N, C-alpha and C. Protein backbone atom coordinates (compact mmCIF):
# COMPACT_ATOMS: atom_id res chain seq x y z
N MET A 1 126.17 9.63 40.35
CA MET A 1 125.44 8.88 41.37
C MET A 1 125.62 9.58 42.70
N SER A 2 124.54 9.67 43.51
CA SER A 2 124.61 10.40 44.77
C SER A 2 125.41 9.62 45.79
N GLU A 3 125.90 10.31 46.81
CA GLU A 3 126.63 9.68 47.90
C GLU A 3 125.72 8.70 48.63
N HIS A 4 124.42 9.06 48.75
CA HIS A 4 123.49 8.17 49.45
C HIS A 4 123.38 6.82 48.73
N VAL A 5 123.26 6.86 47.41
CA VAL A 5 123.11 5.61 46.65
C VAL A 5 124.37 4.76 46.78
N PHE A 6 125.55 5.41 46.62
CA PHE A 6 126.78 4.62 46.71
C PHE A 6 126.98 4.09 48.12
N SER A 7 126.56 4.87 49.15
CA SER A 7 126.68 4.40 50.52
C SER A 7 125.83 3.15 50.73
N THR A 8 124.63 3.14 50.13
CA THR A 8 123.77 1.97 50.24
C THR A 8 124.42 0.77 49.58
N ARG A 9 124.98 0.98 48.37
CA ARG A 9 125.65 -0.12 47.66
C ARG A 9 126.87 -0.60 48.43
N ARG A 10 127.61 0.33 49.05
CA ARG A 10 128.78 -0.07 49.82
C ARG A 10 128.38 -0.92 51.01
N ALA A 11 127.26 -0.56 51.65
CA ALA A 11 126.80 -1.33 52.79
C ALA A 11 126.42 -2.74 52.37
N LEU A 12 125.72 -2.86 51.25
CA LEU A 12 125.35 -4.17 50.74
C LEU A 12 126.58 -4.98 50.38
N ALA A 13 127.54 -4.33 49.68
CA ALA A 13 128.75 -5.03 49.27
C ALA A 13 129.56 -5.45 50.47
N ALA A 14 129.62 -4.58 51.51
CA ALA A 14 130.37 -4.92 52.71
C ALA A 14 129.74 -6.12 53.40
N GLY A 15 128.41 -6.20 53.36
CA GLY A 15 127.73 -7.34 53.95
C GLY A 15 128.02 -8.63 53.23
N ALA A 16 128.30 -8.51 51.92
CA ALA A 16 128.56 -9.71 51.12
C ALA A 16 130.01 -10.14 51.14
N ILE A 17 130.88 -9.33 51.74
CA ILE A 17 132.31 -9.58 51.62
C ILE A 17 132.70 -10.92 52.22
N SER A 18 132.02 -11.35 53.30
CA SER A 18 132.39 -12.61 53.91
C SER A 18 132.14 -13.79 52.98
N LEU A 19 131.18 -13.63 52.04
CA LEU A 19 130.89 -14.69 51.10
C LEU A 19 131.86 -14.70 49.93
N LEU A 20 132.56 -13.56 49.74
CA LEU A 20 133.38 -13.42 48.55
C LEU A 20 134.87 -13.51 48.83
N ALA A 21 135.25 -13.58 50.05
CA ALA A 21 136.66 -13.41 50.40
C ALA A 21 137.48 -14.68 50.26
N LEU A 22 137.02 -15.64 49.47
CA LEU A 22 137.82 -16.83 49.19
C LEU A 22 138.44 -16.73 47.82
N ALA A 23 139.68 -17.07 47.69
CA ALA A 23 140.34 -17.00 46.39
C ALA A 23 139.70 -18.00 45.45
N ALA A 24 139.43 -17.57 44.21
CA ALA A 24 138.83 -18.47 43.23
C ALA A 24 139.89 -19.42 42.70
N PRO A 25 139.63 -20.71 42.71
CA PRO A 25 140.63 -21.68 42.26
C PRO A 25 140.69 -21.74 40.74
N GLY A 26 141.83 -22.18 40.23
CA GLY A 26 141.93 -22.51 38.81
C GLY A 26 141.93 -21.33 37.87
N LEU A 27 142.29 -20.13 38.34
CA LEU A 27 142.34 -18.99 37.43
C LEU A 27 143.48 -19.18 36.44
N ALA A 28 143.20 -18.84 35.18
CA ALA A 28 144.22 -18.99 34.14
C ALA A 28 145.37 -18.02 34.35
N LYS A 29 145.04 -16.80 34.81
CA LYS A 29 146.06 -15.79 35.08
C LYS A 29 145.78 -15.18 36.44
N ALA A 30 146.82 -14.87 37.18
CA ALA A 30 146.65 -14.37 38.53
C ALA A 30 145.94 -13.02 38.56
N ASP A 31 146.00 -12.28 37.45
CA ASP A 31 145.41 -10.94 37.48
C ASP A 31 144.00 -10.89 36.89
N LEU A 32 143.41 -12.03 36.53
CA LEU A 32 142.04 -12.05 36.03
C LEU A 32 141.10 -12.17 37.22
N LEU A 33 140.35 -11.10 37.48
CA LEU A 33 139.49 -11.02 38.66
C LEU A 33 138.05 -11.34 38.27
N LEU A 34 137.61 -12.54 38.62
CA LEU A 34 136.26 -12.98 38.30
C LEU A 34 135.26 -12.42 39.31
N ALA A 35 134.00 -12.30 38.88
CA ALA A 35 132.96 -11.83 39.78
C ALA A 35 132.84 -12.78 40.96
N GLY A 36 132.76 -12.21 42.16
CA GLY A 36 132.61 -13.03 43.36
C GLY A 36 133.88 -13.66 43.85
N SER A 37 135.04 -13.11 43.51
CA SER A 37 136.29 -13.73 43.93
C SER A 37 137.23 -12.72 44.54
N THR A 38 138.20 -13.23 45.29
CA THR A 38 139.34 -12.46 45.79
C THR A 38 140.61 -13.15 45.32
N ILE A 39 141.54 -12.41 44.76
CA ILE A 39 142.81 -12.99 44.32
C ILE A 39 143.97 -12.25 44.95
N ALA A 40 145.04 -12.97 45.22
CA ALA A 40 146.27 -12.36 45.72
C ALA A 40 146.98 -11.66 44.57
N LEU A 41 147.59 -10.53 44.88
CA LEU A 41 148.34 -9.77 43.88
C LEU A 41 149.79 -9.66 44.32
N SER A 42 150.70 -9.87 43.38
CA SER A 42 152.12 -9.77 43.71
C SER A 42 152.83 -8.69 42.91
N GLY A 43 152.08 -7.99 42.03
CA GLY A 43 152.68 -6.92 41.25
C GLY A 43 153.24 -7.41 39.93
N THR A 44 153.40 -6.48 38.99
CA THR A 44 153.93 -6.83 37.68
C THR A 44 154.64 -5.62 37.10
N THR A 45 155.23 -5.80 35.91
CA THR A 45 155.96 -4.74 35.24
C THR A 45 155.59 -4.74 33.76
N SER A 46 155.92 -3.64 33.08
CA SER A 46 155.69 -3.60 31.64
C SER A 46 156.67 -4.51 30.91
N ALA A 47 157.80 -4.83 31.54
CA ALA A 47 158.74 -5.78 30.93
C ALA A 47 158.13 -7.17 30.91
N ALA A 48 157.42 -7.52 32.00
CA ALA A 48 156.77 -8.82 32.07
C ALA A 48 155.50 -8.87 31.23
N GLU A 49 154.82 -7.74 31.11
CA GLU A 49 153.57 -7.66 30.35
C GLU A 49 153.65 -6.46 29.41
N PRO A 50 154.26 -6.64 28.23
CA PRO A 50 154.51 -5.54 27.31
C PRO A 50 153.26 -4.77 26.89
N GLN A 51 152.08 -5.41 26.97
CA GLN A 51 150.85 -4.72 26.57
C GLN A 51 150.51 -3.56 27.50
N LEU A 52 151.18 -3.47 28.66
CA LEU A 52 150.93 -2.38 29.60
C LEU A 52 151.64 -1.10 29.20
N ALA A 53 152.61 -1.19 28.33
CA ALA A 53 153.34 0.02 27.91
C ALA A 53 152.39 0.95 27.16
N GLY A 54 152.58 2.25 27.32
CA GLY A 54 151.72 3.20 26.62
C GLY A 54 152.04 4.63 27.00
N THR A 55 151.12 5.53 26.67
CA THR A 55 151.31 6.95 26.94
C THR A 55 150.17 7.48 27.79
N ILE A 56 150.46 8.49 28.61
CA ILE A 56 149.46 9.08 29.49
C ILE A 56 148.50 9.94 28.68
N VAL A 57 147.20 9.68 28.84
CA VAL A 57 146.17 10.47 28.17
C VAL A 57 145.64 11.57 29.08
N GLU A 58 145.41 11.23 30.35
CA GLU A 58 144.89 12.21 31.31
C GLU A 58 145.31 11.79 32.71
N ASP A 59 145.51 12.79 33.57
CA ASP A 59 146.00 12.54 34.92
C ASP A 59 145.38 13.59 35.84
N ARG A 60 144.84 13.19 37.00
CA ARG A 60 144.29 14.15 37.94
C ARG A 60 144.50 13.67 39.37
N LEU A 61 144.40 14.62 40.31
CA LEU A 61 144.61 14.33 41.72
C LEU A 61 143.40 14.84 42.51
N ASP A 62 142.81 13.98 43.34
CA ASP A 62 141.67 14.34 44.17
C ASP A 62 142.00 14.07 45.64
N SER A 63 141.58 14.97 46.51
CA SER A 63 141.85 14.85 47.94
C SER A 63 140.69 14.18 48.67
N PHE A 64 141.00 13.51 49.78
CA PHE A 64 139.96 12.95 50.64
C PHE A 64 140.29 13.25 52.10
N SER A 65 139.26 13.28 52.92
CA SER A 65 139.41 13.48 54.36
C SER A 65 138.16 12.95 55.04
N PHE A 66 138.34 12.14 56.07
CA PHE A 66 137.19 11.63 56.80
C PHE A 66 137.58 11.31 58.24
N ALA A 67 136.57 11.20 59.10
CA ALA A 67 136.80 10.92 60.50
C ALA A 67 137.05 9.43 60.69
N GLY A 68 138.22 9.09 61.21
CA GLY A 68 138.57 7.72 61.48
C GLY A 68 138.35 7.37 62.93
N ALA A 69 138.82 6.20 63.33
CA ALA A 69 138.65 5.76 64.72
C ALA A 69 139.48 6.58 65.70
N HIS A 70 140.60 7.12 65.23
CA HIS A 70 141.52 7.81 66.12
C HIS A 70 141.79 9.26 65.71
N GLY A 71 141.00 9.78 64.81
CA GLY A 71 141.20 11.15 64.34
C GLY A 71 140.89 11.27 62.87
N THR A 72 141.51 12.26 62.23
CA THR A 72 141.23 12.51 60.82
C THR A 72 142.15 11.69 59.92
N VAL A 73 141.55 11.05 58.94
CA VAL A 73 142.29 10.30 57.93
C VAL A 73 142.23 11.11 56.64
N SER A 74 143.37 11.43 56.07
CA SER A 74 143.37 12.28 54.89
C SER A 74 144.49 11.89 53.93
N GLY A 75 144.33 12.35 52.70
CA GLY A 75 145.32 12.06 51.67
C GLY A 75 144.77 12.43 50.31
N SER A 76 145.27 11.77 49.29
CA SER A 76 144.83 12.07 47.93
C SER A 76 144.91 10.81 47.07
N ILE A 77 144.18 10.85 45.95
CA ILE A 77 144.15 9.73 45.01
C ILE A 77 144.50 10.26 43.62
N GLN A 78 145.49 9.67 43.02
CA GLN A 78 145.88 10.02 41.66
C GLN A 78 145.19 9.06 40.69
N SER A 79 144.45 9.61 39.73
CA SER A 79 143.77 8.81 38.70
C SER A 79 144.43 9.10 37.37
N ARG A 80 144.67 8.04 36.60
CA ARG A 80 145.40 8.20 35.33
C ARG A 80 144.82 7.29 34.27
N VAL A 81 144.77 7.79 33.03
CA VAL A 81 144.35 7.00 31.88
C VAL A 81 145.55 6.81 30.97
N ILE A 82 145.82 5.57 30.58
CA ILE A 82 146.95 5.23 29.71
C ILE A 82 146.42 4.65 28.39
N ARG A 83 146.91 5.18 27.27
CA ARG A 83 146.63 4.57 25.97
C ARG A 83 147.74 3.55 25.71
N ALA A 84 147.39 2.26 25.77
CA ALA A 84 148.38 1.20 25.62
C ALA A 84 148.83 1.09 24.16
N ILE A 85 149.88 0.33 23.94
CA ILE A 85 150.46 0.23 22.60
C ILE A 85 149.52 -0.45 21.61
N ASP A 86 148.53 -1.21 22.12
CA ASP A 86 147.56 -1.84 21.22
C ASP A 86 146.34 -0.96 20.95
N GLY A 87 146.37 0.28 21.46
CA GLY A 87 145.29 1.23 21.22
C GLY A 87 144.18 1.20 22.25
N THR A 88 144.20 0.24 23.17
CA THR A 88 143.17 0.18 24.21
C THR A 88 143.59 1.02 25.42
N LEU A 89 142.66 1.20 26.35
CA LEU A 89 142.89 2.05 27.50
C LEU A 89 143.07 1.24 28.77
N ASP A 90 144.02 1.66 29.60
CA ASP A 90 144.20 1.11 30.93
C ASP A 90 143.99 2.23 31.94
N PHE A 91 143.48 1.88 33.11
CA PHE A 91 143.13 2.86 34.13
C PHE A 91 143.97 2.61 35.37
N TYR A 92 144.63 3.66 35.85
CA TYR A 92 145.59 3.54 36.94
C TYR A 92 145.19 4.44 38.11
N TRP A 93 145.50 3.97 39.33
CA TRP A 93 145.25 4.76 40.53
C TRP A 93 146.39 4.58 41.52
N ARG A 94 146.69 5.66 42.23
CA ARG A 94 147.69 5.62 43.28
C ARG A 94 147.17 6.42 44.47
N VAL A 95 147.29 5.86 45.68
CA VAL A 95 146.75 6.48 46.89
C VAL A 95 147.89 7.00 47.75
N PHE A 96 147.73 8.23 48.23
CA PHE A 96 148.71 8.88 49.11
C PHE A 96 148.05 9.16 50.46
N SER A 97 148.70 8.78 51.54
CA SER A 97 148.21 9.07 52.88
C SER A 97 149.04 10.21 53.47
N ASP A 98 148.37 11.22 54.00
CA ASP A 98 149.08 12.38 54.55
C ASP A 98 149.93 11.99 55.76
N ALA A 99 150.94 12.81 56.04
CA ALA A 99 151.86 12.52 57.13
C ALA A 99 151.18 12.51 58.50
N ASN A 100 150.12 13.31 58.64
CA ASN A 100 149.42 13.37 59.93
C ASN A 100 148.13 12.56 59.94
N SER A 101 147.95 11.67 58.97
CA SER A 101 146.75 10.85 58.91
C SER A 101 146.72 9.90 60.11
N SER A 102 145.56 9.76 60.75
CA SER A 102 145.49 9.07 62.04
C SER A 102 145.47 7.54 61.94
N ASP A 103 144.87 7.00 60.88
CA ASP A 103 144.67 5.56 60.79
C ASP A 103 145.16 5.00 59.45
N ASP A 104 145.50 3.72 59.46
CA ASP A 104 145.88 3.06 58.21
C ASP A 104 144.67 2.92 57.28
N LEU A 105 144.94 2.96 55.99
CA LEU A 105 143.92 2.67 54.99
C LEU A 105 143.95 1.19 54.68
N GLY A 106 142.78 0.56 54.67
CA GLY A 106 142.71 -0.87 54.40
C GLY A 106 142.39 -1.20 52.96
N SER A 107 141.62 -0.31 52.29
CA SER A 107 141.18 -0.62 50.93
C SER A 107 141.01 0.65 50.11
N PHE A 108 141.29 0.51 48.83
CA PHE A 108 140.92 1.49 47.81
C PHE A 108 139.81 0.84 46.99
N ARG A 109 138.64 1.51 46.88
CA ARG A 109 137.45 0.86 46.36
C ARG A 109 136.92 1.60 45.14
N LEU A 110 136.52 0.80 44.14
CA LEU A 110 136.08 1.35 42.86
C LEU A 110 134.72 0.78 42.48
N GLY A 111 133.95 1.57 41.72
CA GLY A 111 132.66 1.11 41.24
C GLY A 111 132.32 1.71 39.89
N GLU A 112 131.36 1.11 39.23
CA GLU A 112 130.92 1.56 37.90
C GLU A 112 132.07 1.53 36.89
N GLU A 113 132.94 0.53 37.02
CA GLU A 113 134.03 0.32 36.07
C GLU A 113 133.64 -0.85 35.18
N HIS A 114 132.99 -0.58 34.07
CA HIS A 114 132.42 -1.62 33.22
C HIS A 114 133.39 -1.99 32.10
N THR A 115 133.78 -3.26 32.05
CA THR A 115 134.68 -3.75 31.01
C THR A 115 134.41 -5.24 30.79
N THR A 116 134.99 -5.80 29.75
CA THR A 116 134.74 -7.20 29.41
C THR A 116 135.37 -8.14 30.42
N ASP A 117 136.68 -8.03 30.61
CA ASP A 117 137.42 -8.81 31.59
C ASP A 117 138.07 -7.86 32.58
N TYR A 118 138.06 -8.25 33.84
CA TYR A 118 138.65 -7.42 34.89
C TYR A 118 140.04 -7.95 35.19
N ARG A 119 141.03 -7.36 34.53
CA ARG A 119 142.42 -7.75 34.74
C ARG A 119 143.08 -6.66 35.58
N VAL A 120 143.46 -7.02 36.78
CA VAL A 120 143.96 -6.03 37.73
C VAL A 120 145.30 -6.48 38.29
N ASN A 121 146.08 -5.51 38.71
CA ASN A 121 147.33 -5.78 39.40
C ASN A 121 147.89 -4.44 39.84
N TRP A 122 149.14 -4.42 40.25
CA TRP A 122 149.83 -3.17 40.55
C TRP A 122 151.23 -3.23 39.98
N ARG A 123 151.79 -2.05 39.74
CA ARG A 123 153.08 -1.95 39.05
C ARG A 123 154.22 -1.85 40.06
N THR A 124 155.12 -2.79 40.01
CA THR A 124 156.31 -2.73 40.86
C THR A 124 157.37 -1.81 40.27
N ASP A 125 157.26 -1.50 38.97
CA ASP A 125 158.27 -0.67 38.30
C ASP A 125 157.88 0.81 38.37
N GLY A 126 157.68 1.28 39.58
CA GLY A 126 157.32 2.69 39.79
C GLY A 126 157.49 3.04 41.26
N ALA A 127 157.20 4.30 41.60
CA ALA A 127 157.36 4.77 42.97
C ALA A 127 156.20 4.27 43.83
N GLY A 128 156.47 4.11 45.13
CA GLY A 128 155.44 3.71 46.07
C GLY A 128 156.04 2.98 47.26
N ASP A 129 155.23 2.83 48.31
CA ASP A 129 155.67 2.15 49.52
C ASP A 129 154.94 0.83 49.76
N VAL A 130 153.66 0.79 49.38
CA VAL A 130 152.82 -0.37 49.68
C VAL A 130 152.11 -0.83 48.41
N GLY A 131 152.21 -2.11 48.10
CA GLY A 131 151.48 -2.67 46.98
C GLY A 131 150.18 -3.30 47.46
N ALA A 132 149.18 -3.37 46.60
CA ALA A 132 147.93 -4.03 46.97
C ALA A 132 148.19 -5.52 47.17
N SER A 133 147.77 -6.04 48.31
CA SER A 133 148.01 -7.45 48.61
C SER A 133 147.01 -8.37 47.92
N SER A 134 145.81 -7.83 47.65
CA SER A 134 144.78 -8.63 46.99
C SER A 134 143.75 -7.71 46.36
N ALA A 135 142.88 -8.31 45.57
CA ALA A 135 141.76 -7.58 44.97
C ALA A 135 140.51 -8.42 45.11
N THR A 136 139.39 -7.76 45.38
CA THR A 136 138.10 -8.43 45.56
C THR A 136 137.09 -7.81 44.61
N ARG A 137 136.38 -8.66 43.88
CA ARG A 137 135.32 -8.17 42.99
C ARG A 137 133.98 -8.74 43.44
N PHE A 138 132.96 -7.92 43.41
CA PHE A 138 131.64 -8.33 43.86
C PHE A 138 130.86 -8.94 42.70
N THR A 139 129.64 -9.32 42.97
CA THR A 139 128.89 -10.09 42.00
C THR A 139 127.50 -9.51 41.79
N GLY A 140 126.76 -10.07 40.84
CA GLY A 140 125.40 -9.62 40.58
C GLY A 140 125.37 -8.18 40.12
N GLY A 141 124.50 -7.37 40.73
CA GLY A 141 124.40 -5.96 40.37
C GLY A 141 125.61 -5.14 40.75
N PHE A 142 126.53 -5.75 41.49
CA PHE A 142 127.74 -5.04 41.91
C PHE A 142 128.98 -5.57 41.21
N SER A 143 128.84 -6.25 40.08
CA SER A 143 129.98 -6.88 39.42
C SER A 143 130.97 -5.87 38.84
N SER A 144 130.57 -4.60 38.73
CA SER A 144 131.51 -3.56 38.28
C SER A 144 132.20 -2.89 39.46
N TYR A 145 132.02 -3.44 40.66
CA TYR A 145 132.62 -2.90 41.88
C TYR A 145 133.74 -3.84 42.34
N PHE A 146 134.90 -3.29 42.66
CA PHE A 146 135.99 -4.12 43.17
C PHE A 146 136.89 -3.29 44.06
N ASN A 147 137.59 -3.97 44.95
CA ASN A 147 138.49 -3.33 45.92
C ASN A 147 139.93 -3.78 45.70
N PHE A 148 140.85 -2.85 45.86
CA PHE A 148 142.26 -3.19 46.05
C PHE A 148 142.50 -3.12 47.56
N ASN A 149 143.05 -4.20 48.12
CA ASN A 149 143.23 -4.30 49.56
C ASN A 149 144.70 -4.14 49.95
N PHE A 150 144.96 -3.31 50.98
CA PHE A 150 146.32 -3.02 51.40
C PHE A 150 146.78 -3.86 52.59
N SER A 151 145.89 -4.59 53.22
CA SER A 151 146.21 -5.32 54.44
C SER A 151 147.37 -6.30 54.22
N HIS A 152 148.39 -6.18 55.07
CA HIS A 152 149.55 -7.07 54.99
C HIS A 152 150.23 -7.15 56.35
N MET A 153 151.11 -8.11 56.50
CA MET A 153 151.83 -8.27 57.76
C MET A 153 153.17 -7.55 57.70
N ASN A 154 153.43 -6.71 58.68
CA ASN A 154 154.70 -5.98 58.70
C ASN A 154 155.80 -6.85 59.33
N PRO A 155 157.05 -6.39 59.31
CA PRO A 155 158.14 -7.22 59.85
C PRO A 155 157.96 -7.61 61.32
N ALA A 156 157.17 -6.83 62.07
CA ALA A 156 156.94 -7.14 63.48
C ALA A 156 155.82 -8.15 63.67
N GLY A 157 155.17 -8.56 62.58
CA GLY A 157 154.11 -9.54 62.67
C GLY A 157 152.73 -8.96 62.85
N ALA A 158 152.61 -7.63 62.78
CA ALA A 158 151.30 -6.99 62.94
C ALA A 158 150.64 -6.81 61.57
N ILE A 159 149.31 -6.89 61.53
CA ILE A 159 148.56 -6.65 60.30
C ILE A 159 148.33 -5.16 60.16
N VAL A 160 148.83 -4.60 59.08
CA VAL A 160 148.76 -3.15 58.85
C VAL A 160 148.26 -2.90 57.44
N GLY A 161 148.01 -1.62 57.13
CA GLY A 161 147.58 -1.23 55.80
C GLY A 161 148.50 -0.18 55.21
N LEU A 162 147.92 0.80 54.54
CA LEU A 162 148.67 1.93 54.00
C LEU A 162 148.71 2.99 55.09
N GLY A 163 149.88 3.19 55.69
CA GLY A 163 150.01 4.05 56.86
C GLY A 163 150.27 5.50 56.52
N ALA A 164 150.31 6.31 57.57
CA ALA A 164 150.57 7.74 57.44
C ALA A 164 151.90 7.97 56.72
N ASN A 165 151.90 8.96 55.82
CA ASN A 165 153.09 9.35 55.05
C ASN A 165 153.57 8.26 54.11
N GLN A 166 152.68 7.35 53.75
CA GLN A 166 153.01 6.32 52.77
C GLN A 166 152.15 6.51 51.52
N SER A 167 152.61 5.92 50.42
CA SER A 167 151.83 5.93 49.19
C SER A 167 151.78 4.51 48.62
N SER A 168 150.75 4.24 47.88
CA SER A 168 150.68 2.94 47.21
C SER A 168 151.46 3.00 45.91
N PHE A 169 151.80 1.85 45.39
CA PHE A 169 152.24 1.77 44.01
C PHE A 169 151.00 1.94 43.13
N PHE A 170 151.21 2.22 41.85
CA PHE A 170 150.07 2.35 40.93
C PHE A 170 149.36 1.00 40.80
N MET A 171 148.05 1.03 41.03
CA MET A 171 147.17 -0.11 40.78
C MET A 171 146.47 0.13 39.44
N PHE A 172 146.11 -0.94 38.74
CA PHE A 172 145.52 -0.70 37.42
C PHE A 172 144.43 -1.69 37.06
N LEU A 173 143.59 -1.26 36.12
CA LEU A 173 142.59 -2.09 35.46
C LEU A 173 142.92 -2.08 33.98
N ASP A 174 143.29 -3.24 33.45
CA ASP A 174 143.66 -3.40 32.04
C ASP A 174 142.40 -3.73 31.25
N THR A 175 141.99 -2.87 30.31
CA THR A 175 140.71 -3.07 29.61
C THR A 175 140.88 -3.13 28.10
N ASP A 176 139.77 -3.45 27.42
CA ASP A 176 139.73 -3.42 25.96
C ASP A 176 139.01 -2.19 25.46
N ALA A 177 138.77 -1.21 26.35
CA ALA A 177 138.06 0.02 25.98
C ALA A 177 138.92 0.89 25.08
N THR A 178 138.27 1.66 24.23
CA THR A 178 138.99 2.63 23.38
C THR A 178 138.56 4.06 23.68
N SER A 179 137.58 4.23 24.56
CA SER A 179 137.17 5.57 24.98
C SER A 179 136.86 5.54 26.47
N TYR A 180 136.82 6.71 27.09
CA TYR A 180 136.61 6.75 28.53
C TYR A 180 135.83 8.00 28.91
N ALA A 181 135.33 8.00 30.13
CA ALA A 181 134.63 9.16 30.69
C ALA A 181 134.88 9.16 32.20
N ARG A 182 134.58 10.28 32.83
CA ARG A 182 134.76 10.37 34.28
C ARG A 182 133.44 9.95 34.94
N THR A 183 133.12 8.66 34.80
CA THR A 183 131.85 8.13 35.28
C THR A 183 132.03 7.05 36.34
N GLY A 184 133.28 6.68 36.65
CA GLY A 184 133.53 5.71 37.71
C GLY A 184 133.45 6.39 39.07
N ILE A 185 133.34 5.60 40.12
CA ILE A 185 133.33 6.13 41.48
C ILE A 185 134.39 5.43 42.30
N MET A 186 134.91 6.14 43.31
CA MET A 186 135.99 5.59 44.12
C MET A 186 135.93 6.15 45.52
N ASP A 187 136.49 5.41 46.47
CA ASP A 187 136.69 5.91 47.82
C ASP A 187 137.80 5.09 48.48
N VAL A 188 138.14 5.44 49.71
CA VAL A 188 139.08 4.66 50.51
C VAL A 188 138.42 4.38 51.85
N ALA A 189 138.83 3.28 52.47
CA ALA A 189 138.27 2.88 53.76
C ALA A 189 139.39 2.48 54.70
N ASP A 190 139.10 2.53 56.01
CA ASP A 190 140.09 2.12 56.99
C ASP A 190 140.17 0.60 57.04
N MET A 191 140.95 0.08 57.95
CA MET A 191 141.18 -1.36 58.01
C MET A 191 139.91 -2.15 58.33
N THR A 192 138.96 -1.52 59.03
CA THR A 192 137.74 -2.22 59.42
C THR A 192 136.61 -2.04 58.41
N GLN A 193 136.80 -1.19 57.40
CA GLN A 193 135.77 -0.88 56.41
C GLN A 193 134.57 -0.18 57.04
N THR A 194 134.75 0.40 58.22
CA THR A 194 133.64 1.09 58.88
C THR A 194 133.78 2.61 58.82
N HIS A 195 134.96 3.09 58.55
CA HIS A 195 135.20 4.53 58.37
C HIS A 195 135.63 4.72 56.92
N ILE A 196 134.82 5.48 56.17
CA ILE A 196 134.95 5.51 54.71
C ILE A 196 134.92 6.95 54.21
N ALA A 197 135.75 7.25 53.23
CA ALA A 197 135.79 8.59 52.65
C ALA A 197 134.56 8.85 51.78
N LYS A 198 134.31 10.10 51.51
CA LYS A 198 133.24 10.49 50.60
C LYS A 198 133.54 9.97 49.19
N THR A 199 132.50 9.62 48.47
CA THR A 199 132.66 9.12 47.11
C THR A 199 133.19 10.21 46.18
N LEU A 200 134.17 9.83 45.36
CA LEU A 200 134.74 10.73 44.36
C LEU A 200 134.54 10.12 42.97
N LEU A 201 134.50 10.97 41.95
CA LEU A 201 134.42 10.48 40.58
C LEU A 201 135.82 10.13 40.07
N THR A 202 135.89 9.15 39.20
CA THR A 202 137.16 8.78 38.58
C THR A 202 136.91 8.32 37.15
N PHE A 203 137.98 8.03 36.43
CA PHE A 203 137.87 7.62 35.03
C PHE A 203 137.39 6.17 34.94
N ALA A 204 136.67 5.89 33.86
CA ALA A 204 136.15 4.54 33.62
C ALA A 204 135.98 4.32 32.13
N PRO A 205 135.97 3.05 31.68
CA PRO A 205 135.70 2.79 30.27
C PRO A 205 134.33 3.32 29.87
N ALA A 206 134.25 3.87 28.66
CA ALA A 206 132.98 4.37 28.13
C ALA A 206 132.49 3.42 27.08
N ALA A 207 131.19 3.14 27.09
CA ALA A 207 130.61 2.24 26.10
C ALA A 207 130.68 2.86 24.72
N ALA A 208 130.93 2.03 23.71
CA ALA A 208 130.96 2.52 22.34
C ALA A 208 129.59 3.05 21.95
N THR A 209 129.55 4.13 21.18
CA THR A 209 128.29 4.71 20.75
C THR A 209 127.66 3.85 19.67
N VAL A 210 126.41 3.44 19.88
CA VAL A 210 125.68 2.61 18.92
C VAL A 210 124.74 3.50 18.12
N PRO A 211 124.82 3.52 16.78
CA PRO A 211 123.96 4.39 15.99
C PRO A 211 122.48 4.07 16.22
N GLU A 212 121.64 5.12 16.19
CA GLU A 212 120.20 4.92 16.29
C GLU A 212 119.71 4.13 15.07
N PRO A 213 118.57 3.40 15.20
CA PRO A 213 118.05 2.65 14.06
C PRO A 213 117.86 3.50 12.82
N GLY A 214 117.39 4.74 12.98
CA GLY A 214 117.22 5.64 11.84
C GLY A 214 118.54 5.93 11.16
N SER A 215 119.59 6.10 11.97
CA SER A 215 120.92 6.37 11.41
C SER A 215 121.42 5.17 10.63
N LEU A 216 121.17 3.96 11.16
CA LEU A 216 121.58 2.75 10.46
C LEU A 216 120.88 2.64 9.11
N ALA A 217 119.58 3.02 9.07
CA ALA A 217 118.84 2.97 7.81
C ALA A 217 119.42 3.93 6.79
N LEU A 218 119.80 5.14 7.27
CA LEU A 218 120.40 6.12 6.37
C LEU A 218 121.73 5.62 5.82
N VAL A 219 122.51 4.97 6.70
CA VAL A 219 123.79 4.42 6.25
C VAL A 219 123.55 3.37 5.18
N GLY A 220 122.54 2.51 5.39
CA GLY A 220 122.22 1.49 4.40
C GLY A 220 121.80 2.08 3.08
N LEU A 221 120.98 3.15 3.12
CA LEU A 221 120.56 3.80 1.88
C LEU A 221 121.75 4.41 1.15
N ALA A 222 122.64 5.03 1.91
CA ALA A 222 123.82 5.67 1.31
C ALA A 222 124.70 4.63 0.63
N LEU A 223 124.92 3.49 1.31
CA LEU A 223 125.75 2.44 0.72
C LEU A 223 125.09 1.87 -0.52
N GLY A 224 123.74 1.75 -0.49
CA GLY A 224 123.02 1.25 -1.65
C GLY A 224 123.14 2.18 -2.83
N ALA A 225 123.08 3.49 -2.58
CA ALA A 225 123.20 4.48 -3.65
C ALA A 225 124.59 4.43 -4.27
N VAL A 226 125.62 4.28 -3.42
CA VAL A 226 126.99 4.19 -3.93
C VAL A 226 127.14 2.96 -4.82
N ALA A 227 126.58 1.81 -4.39
CA ALA A 227 126.69 0.59 -5.18
C ALA A 227 125.97 0.73 -6.52
N ALA A 228 124.77 1.37 -6.50
CA ALA A 228 124.03 1.56 -7.75
C ALA A 228 124.78 2.46 -8.71
N ARG A 229 125.40 3.51 -8.20
CA ARG A 229 126.14 4.44 -9.05
C ARG A 229 127.33 3.73 -9.68
N ARG A 230 127.99 2.87 -8.90
CA ARG A 230 129.13 2.14 -9.45
C ARG A 230 128.70 1.19 -10.56
N ARG A 231 127.53 0.57 -10.39
CA ARG A 231 127.04 -0.35 -11.43
C ARG A 231 126.74 0.39 -12.73
N ARG A 232 126.18 1.62 -12.61
CA ARG A 232 125.85 2.40 -13.82
C ARG A 232 127.11 2.83 -14.56
N GLN A 233 128.21 3.01 -13.76
CA GLN A 233 129.44 3.50 -14.38
C GLN A 233 130.21 2.40 -15.08
N ARG A 234 129.83 1.15 -14.85
CA ARG A 234 130.58 0.03 -15.47
C ARG A 234 130.21 -0.11 -16.94
């Protein structure tokens, strides 16, 4: 997807954020992110959620740099795919802000992440300085788009984000996918959501391949031939 298209979608989504920024009541689990909702995140561990345990399938690092309100904002994003113990895939991201980065990062934003249920959180059992305080998922044509938000109050009482020379803990999307592709999109934004990095590609669940109708017919013929041969052999 081109940067122009994603920029248009980001503008629309940003316009809708005021309608979506209320926490959805009555969620069965704190990490189930419904379309059109914002939920608070407090972090989790594989000890608390054993289904998160698994092995690394792929890992990559992408850099970003953009003009912020007070100078250049730069850093990198680590994208990771985990094969969980139940055979499904989980998708992880970690954001690093460079030591000379001028402004705090307010959000890590993802799109084109298609899955059945959007179960999100961040891992406290790993390295990092700042955990995502909340997650927001959009609705309608943007229901595969969601943000991890870094905004929090520091000990001095000021609202801050992911600052210079800081890194986030790993944030994740727990899915039922069994295959993946580098078809998702991601970026980072400052605290005001008005200064935004260029769109980067990231890992996302891949839809299962559905056989063509002709292929299904051939499979049916083959199974029929096998059954007929077995009947003759009886």
